[in-house]
Amino acid sequence: MSAGTYAPKPGAAPVVRMIAAQTALETRMLLRNGEQLLLTVIIPSLLLVLFSTVDVVDTGDGEAVDFLAPGVLALAVMSTAFTGQAIATGFERRYGVLKRLGASPLPRWALMTAKTLAVLVTEVLQIVLLTAIAFGLGWSPHGNPLAVLLLLVLGTAAFSGLGLLMAGTLKAEATLAAANLVFLLLLVGGGVIVPLEKFGAAGDVLALLPISALSDGLRDVLRDGAGMPWAGAAVLAAWAVLGLGAAARFFRWE
């Protein structure tokens, strides 16, 4: 046996491997958190079942589930990419987790990449579950899957930017309160359950919100079989650029 066979080989692991490991860790943390599961799985599922089976809200012509399913998918994206990520990252920042990770071999941009990938993995699980529930309720979607995918990606980028901006600038307790409040307000006024037409003139303003652009865009494709809703996509892209840009500029690691 030659000398040095078992000599240590110092140095960081490849960045791709570090991102994969951090993504797996972030995903497990998301799925093990009871509050996260309430926001990401239980609430959207209950809303979909309740309002699809009980005639509480006038959703217009057609089956209620055809209106509600796209809105609930948009709500699921917001709950994970914005609310859940903002709260989790805010408390990681408070307890010094981000500071310690920032001093590790894992680059800061790679950490944010891992968090984004964890959000995407969670969203895939949400969408599979909610789609199965919607099919069980009689949902019959239409439209181009690629248009749906693009809207979901743009929505994820928009909400991630806003969530990271909130987590990186506010105290953890303020982030917790603000993120949950925004979630409730956008649930009511974002076209998820109640059509924007019910809000009268204010509906034109509410249509510029990212949740409204995503829910209405998904509804145009999945319910009406329309092509790519470029107006909604443009709104989401604008929010993504603003949110991610502001998060990169103002995010504080301590």
Protein backbone atom coordinates (compact mmCIF):
# COMPACT_ATOMS: atom_id res chain seq x y z
CA MET A 1 0.00 0.00 0.00
CA SER A 2 1.55 3.27 -1.06
CA ALA A 3 1.89 6.18 1.31
CA GLY A 4 -0.84 8.76 1.13
CA THR A 5 -3.59 6.37 0.05
CA TYR A 6 -5.80 7.64 2.84
CA ALA A 7 -4.51 11.17 2.85
CA PRO A 8 -7.30 13.75 3.30
CA LYS A 9 -8.42 15.70 0.27
CA PRO A 10 -9.49 19.09 1.60
CA GLY A 11 -11.76 21.40 -0.35
CA ALA A 12 -15.42 22.13 -0.90
CA ALA A 13 -17.69 19.76 -2.76
CA PRO A 14 -18.79 20.74 -6.27
CA VAL A 15 -21.39 23.51 -6.25
CA VAL A 16 -23.99 21.32 -7.97
CA ARG A 17 -23.68 18.71 -5.23
CA MET A 18 -23.93 21.36 -2.51
CA ILE A 19 -27.04 22.82 -4.10
CA ALA A 20 -28.62 19.37 -4.36
CA ALA A 21 -27.90 18.60 -0.70
CA GLN A 22 -29.20 21.98 0.46
CA THR A 23 -32.32 21.61 -1.71
CA ALA A 24 -33.09 18.23 -0.14
CA LEU A 25 -32.62 19.74 3.34
CA GLU A 26 -34.81 22.78 2.57
CA THR A 27 -37.54 20.53 1.13
CA ARG A 28 -37.58 18.29 4.21
CA MET A 29 -37.78 21.34 6.47
CA LEU A 30 -40.72 22.70 4.47
CA LEU A 31 -42.63 19.43 4.57
CA ARG A 32 -42.00 18.79 8.27
CA ASN A 33 -43.31 22.18 9.38
CA GLY A 34 -46.91 21.93 10.61
CA GLU A 35 -47.75 25.57 9.86
CA GLN A 36 -46.29 25.19 6.37
CA LEU A 37 -48.43 22.13 5.71
CA LEU A 38 -51.49 24.05 6.89
CA LEU A 39 -50.78 26.85 4.42
CA THR A 40 -49.56 24.79 1.50
CA VAL A 41 -51.79 21.73 1.58
CA ILE A 42 -54.69 21.78 4.02
CA ILE A 43 -56.12 25.27 3.43
CA PRO A 44 -56.05 25.10 -0.42
CA SER A 45 -57.54 21.59 -0.36
CA LEU A 46 -60.33 22.56 2.04
CA LEU A 47 -61.17 25.69 0.04
CA LEU A 48 -61.33 23.69 -3.18
CA VAL A 49 -63.61 21.03 -1.72
CA LEU A 50 -65.81 23.41 0.28
CA PHE A 51 -66.56 25.99 -2.40
CA SER A 52 -66.87 23.36 -5.14
CA THR A 53 -69.52 21.40 -3.25
CA VAL A 54 -71.37 24.15 -1.34
CA ASP A 55 -73.07 26.94 -3.26
CA VAL A 56 -71.68 29.86 -1.27
CA VAL A 57 -70.02 32.06 -3.90
CA ASP A 58 -71.42 32.86 -7.34
CA THR A 59 -68.63 31.79 -9.70
CA GLY A 60 -70.58 32.46 -12.88
CA ASP A 61 -71.61 30.02 -15.58
CA GLY A 62 -70.33 26.48 -15.61
CA GLU A 63 -69.20 24.18 -12.83
CA ALA A 64 -67.81 25.87 -9.74
CA VAL A 65 -64.75 23.61 -9.72
CA ASP A 66 -63.78 24.85 -13.21
CA PHE A 67 -63.53 28.37 -11.78
CA LEU A 68 -62.04 27.43 -8.42
CA ALA A 69 -59.35 24.90 -9.40
CA PRO A 70 -57.10 27.40 -11.27
CA GLY A 71 -57.47 29.93 -8.46
CA VAL A 72 -56.57 27.37 -5.82
CA LEU A 73 -53.50 26.34 -7.85
CA ALA A 74 -52.45 30.00 -7.83
CA LEU A 75 -53.10 30.13 -4.07
CA ALA A 76 -50.87 27.09 -3.59
CA VAL A 77 -48.02 28.82 -5.43
CA MET A 78 -48.44 31.93 -3.29
CA SER A 79 -48.62 29.96 -0.03
CA THR A 80 -45.31 28.21 -0.73
CA ALA A 81 -43.27 30.74 -2.69
CA PHE A 82 -44.36 33.80 -0.71
CA THR A 83 -45.93 33.11 2.68
CA GLY A 84 -44.07 29.95 3.66
CA GLN A 85 -40.72 31.05 2.29
CA ALA A 86 -40.95 34.51 3.86
CA ILE A 87 -41.73 33.13 7.33
CA ALA A 88 -39.11 30.36 7.22
CA THR A 89 -36.37 32.60 5.85
CA GLY A 90 -37.24 35.40 8.27
CA PHE A 91 -36.74 33.16 11.31
CA GLU A 92 -33.59 31.63 9.82
CA ARG A 93 -32.23 35.14 9.53
CA ARG A 94 -33.23 35.98 13.11
CA TYR A 95 -31.59 32.89 14.61
CA GLY A 96 -28.37 33.40 12.65
CA VAL A 97 -28.82 30.39 10.38
CA LEU A 98 -28.37 32.46 7.23
CA LYS A 99 -25.27 34.12 8.65
CA ARG A 100 -23.67 30.75 9.36
CA LEU A 101 -24.65 29.32 5.99
CA GLY A 102 -23.29 32.45 4.34
CA ALA A 103 -19.91 31.73 5.94
CA SER A 104 -19.91 28.11 4.70
CA PRO A 105 -18.45 26.92 1.37
CA LEU A 106 -22.00 27.14 -0.06
CA PRO A 107 -22.16 30.45 -1.98
CA ARG A 108 -25.01 32.74 -1.06
CA TRP A 109 -26.43 32.62 -4.57
CA ALA A 110 -26.38 28.82 -4.36
CA LEU A 111 -28.28 28.96 -1.06
CA MET A 112 -31.01 31.06 -2.69
CA THR A 113 -31.02 28.68 -5.65
CA ALA A 114 -31.53 25.74 -3.28
CA LYS A 115 -34.40 27.55 -1.54
CA THR A 116 -36.03 28.23 -4.91
CA LEU A 117 -35.64 24.60 -6.00
CA ALA A 118 -37.17 23.45 -2.70
CA VAL A 119 -40.13 25.73 -3.36
CA LEU A 120 -40.54 24.23 -6.84
CA VAL A 121 -40.43 20.67 -5.49
CA THR A 122 -43.08 21.52 -2.91
CA GLU A 123 -45.23 23.18 -5.56
CA VAL A 124 -45.10 20.08 -7.75
CA LEU A 125 -46.39 17.99 -4.84
CA GLN A 126 -49.13 20.56 -4.15
CA ILE A 127 -50.23 20.71 -7.77
CA VAL A 128 -50.38 16.91 -8.06
CA LEU A 129 -52.53 16.67 -4.92
CA LEU A 130 -54.86 19.56 -5.80
CA THR A 131 -55.24 18.35 -9.38
CA ALA A 132 -56.24 14.90 -8.13
CA ILE A 133 -58.81 16.44 -5.77
CA ALA A 134 -60.15 18.67 -8.56
CA PHE A 135 -60.50 15.71 -10.92
CA GLY A 136 -62.40 13.90 -8.19
CA LEU A 137 -64.78 16.87 -8.02
CA GLY A 138 -65.42 16.75 -11.78
CA TRP A 139 -62.85 19.23 -13.09
CA SER A 140 -62.30 19.17 -16.85
CA PRO A 141 -59.30 21.38 -17.73
CA HIS A 142 -58.43 22.57 -21.23
CA GLY A 143 -55.65 24.58 -22.83
CA ASN A 144 -51.93 24.33 -23.48
CA PRO A 145 -49.87 22.77 -20.65
CA LEU A 146 -46.85 24.85 -21.68
CA ALA A 147 -48.81 28.06 -21.07
CA VAL A 148 -49.78 26.75 -17.63
CA LEU A 149 -46.16 25.88 -16.87
CA LEU A 150 -44.91 29.32 -17.91
CA LEU A 151 -47.53 31.04 -15.74
CA LEU A 152 -46.62 28.89 -12.74
CA VAL A 153 -42.90 29.61 -13.18
CA LEU A 154 -43.51 33.36 -13.51
CA GLY A 155 -45.82 33.28 -10.50
CA THR A 156 -43.22 31.42 -8.46
CA ALA A 157 -40.55 33.96 -9.39
CA ALA A 158 -42.82 36.89 -8.53
CA PHE A 159 -43.88 35.53 -5.14
CA SER A 160 -40.39 34.30 -4.26
CA GLY A 161 -38.95 37.74 -4.85
CA LEU A 162 -41.59 39.38 -2.66
CA GLY A 163 -41.19 36.75 0.05
CA LEU A 164 -37.41 37.09 0.18
CA LEU A 165 -37.71 40.87 0.17
CA MET A 166 -40.00 40.74 3.20
CA ALA A 167 -37.85 38.16 5.01
CA GLY A 168 -34.65 40.09 4.36
CA THR A 169 -35.85 43.51 5.49
CA LEU A 170 -38.35 42.98 8.34
CA LYS A 171 -37.96 41.39 11.76
CA ALA A 172 -39.08 37.78 11.98
CA GLU A 173 -42.19 38.56 14.05
CA ALA A 174 -43.19 41.32 11.64
CA THR A 175 -42.62 38.98 8.71
CA LEU A 176 -44.83 36.33 10.32
CA ALA A 177 -47.68 38.78 10.87
CA ALA A 178 -47.34 40.58 7.53
CA ALA A 179 -47.02 37.40 5.44
CA ASN A 180 -50.12 35.84 6.97
CA LEU A 181 -52.07 39.09 6.63
CA VAL A 182 -51.11 39.46 2.96
CA PHE A 183 -52.08 35.82 2.40
CA LEU A 184 -55.56 36.41 3.79
CA LEU A 185 -56.07 39.69 1.93
CA LEU A 186 -54.99 38.23 -1.41
CA LEU A 187 -57.10 35.13 -0.80
CA VAL A 188 -60.18 37.34 -0.48
CA GLY A 189 -59.38 40.03 -3.03
CA GLY A 190 -57.16 38.25 -5.53
CA GLY A 191 -59.75 36.48 -7.65
CA VAL A 192 -59.02 33.08 -6.08
CA ILE A 193 -62.51 32.36 -4.72
CA VAL A 194 -64.48 35.49 -5.61
CA PRO A 195 -64.45 36.71 -9.25
CA LEU A 196 -62.85 40.14 -9.65
CA GLU A 197 -66.02 41.38 -11.35
CA LYS A 198 -67.71 41.27 -7.95
CA PHE A 199 -65.46 44.11 -6.75
CA GLY A 200 -66.74 46.61 -9.31
CA ALA A 201 -64.32 49.35 -10.34
CA ALA A 202 -61.74 48.12 -7.82
CA GLY A 203 -61.45 44.93 -9.85
CA ASP A 204 -59.32 46.72 -12.46
CA VAL A 205 -56.79 47.64 -9.80
CA LEU A 206 -56.89 44.22 -8.14
CA ALA A 207 -56.16 42.63 -11.53
CA LEU A 208 -52.65 44.09 -11.31
CA LEU A 209 -51.84 41.99 -8.23
CA PRO A 210 -49.66 38.92 -8.88
CA ILE A 211 -52.22 36.52 -7.40
CA SER A 212 -54.93 37.97 -9.65
CA ALA A 213 -52.73 37.77 -12.75
CA LEU A 214 -51.83 34.17 -11.97
CA SER A 215 -55.31 32.94 -11.04
CA ASP A 216 -57.02 34.68 -13.97
CA GLY A 217 -54.28 33.60 -16.37
CA LEU A 218 -54.60 29.96 -15.30
CA ARG A 219 -58.38 30.27 -15.54
CA ASP A 220 -58.19 31.64 -19.09
CA VAL A 221 -56.11 28.65 -20.15
CA LEU A 222 -57.56 25.79 -18.10
CA ARG A 223 -61.24 26.77 -18.15
CA ASP A 224 -61.64 28.70 -21.37
CA GLY A 225 -58.94 26.96 -23.44
CA ALA A 226 -57.35 30.27 -24.40
CA GLY A 227 -53.80 30.67 -25.64
CA MET A 228 -51.05 32.25 -23.64
CA PRO A 229 -52.54 35.15 -21.59
CA TRP A 230 -49.76 37.62 -22.32
CA ALA A 231 -51.24 40.43 -20.26
CA GLY A 232 -51.23 38.31 -17.11
CA ALA A 233 -47.78 36.97 -17.93
CA ALA A 234 -46.48 40.52 -18.32
CA VAL A 235 -47.89 41.48 -14.90
CA LEU A 236 -46.21 38.46 -13.30
CA ALA A 237 -42.92 39.17 -15.08
CA ALA A 238 -42.97 42.77 -13.86
CA TRP A 239 -43.57 41.65 -10.27
CA ALA A 240 -40.80 39.06 -10.60
CA VAL A 241 -38.27 41.63 -11.84
CA LEU A 242 -39.24 44.15 -9.16
CA GLY A 243 -39.39 41.63 -6.32
CA LEU A 244 -36.21 39.72 -7.12
CA GLY A 245 -34.33 42.92 -7.90
CA ALA A 246 -35.37 44.56 -4.65
CA ALA A 247 -34.59 41.39 -2.68
CA ALA A 248 -31.10 41.21 -4.18
CA ARG A 249 -30.53 44.88 -3.37
CA PHE A 250 -31.97 45.16 0.15
CA PHE A 251 -31.75 41.64 1.61
CA ARG A 252 -29.88 41.65 4.93
CA TRP A 253 -28.28 38.40 6.07
CA GLU A 254 -28.14 39.42 9.74
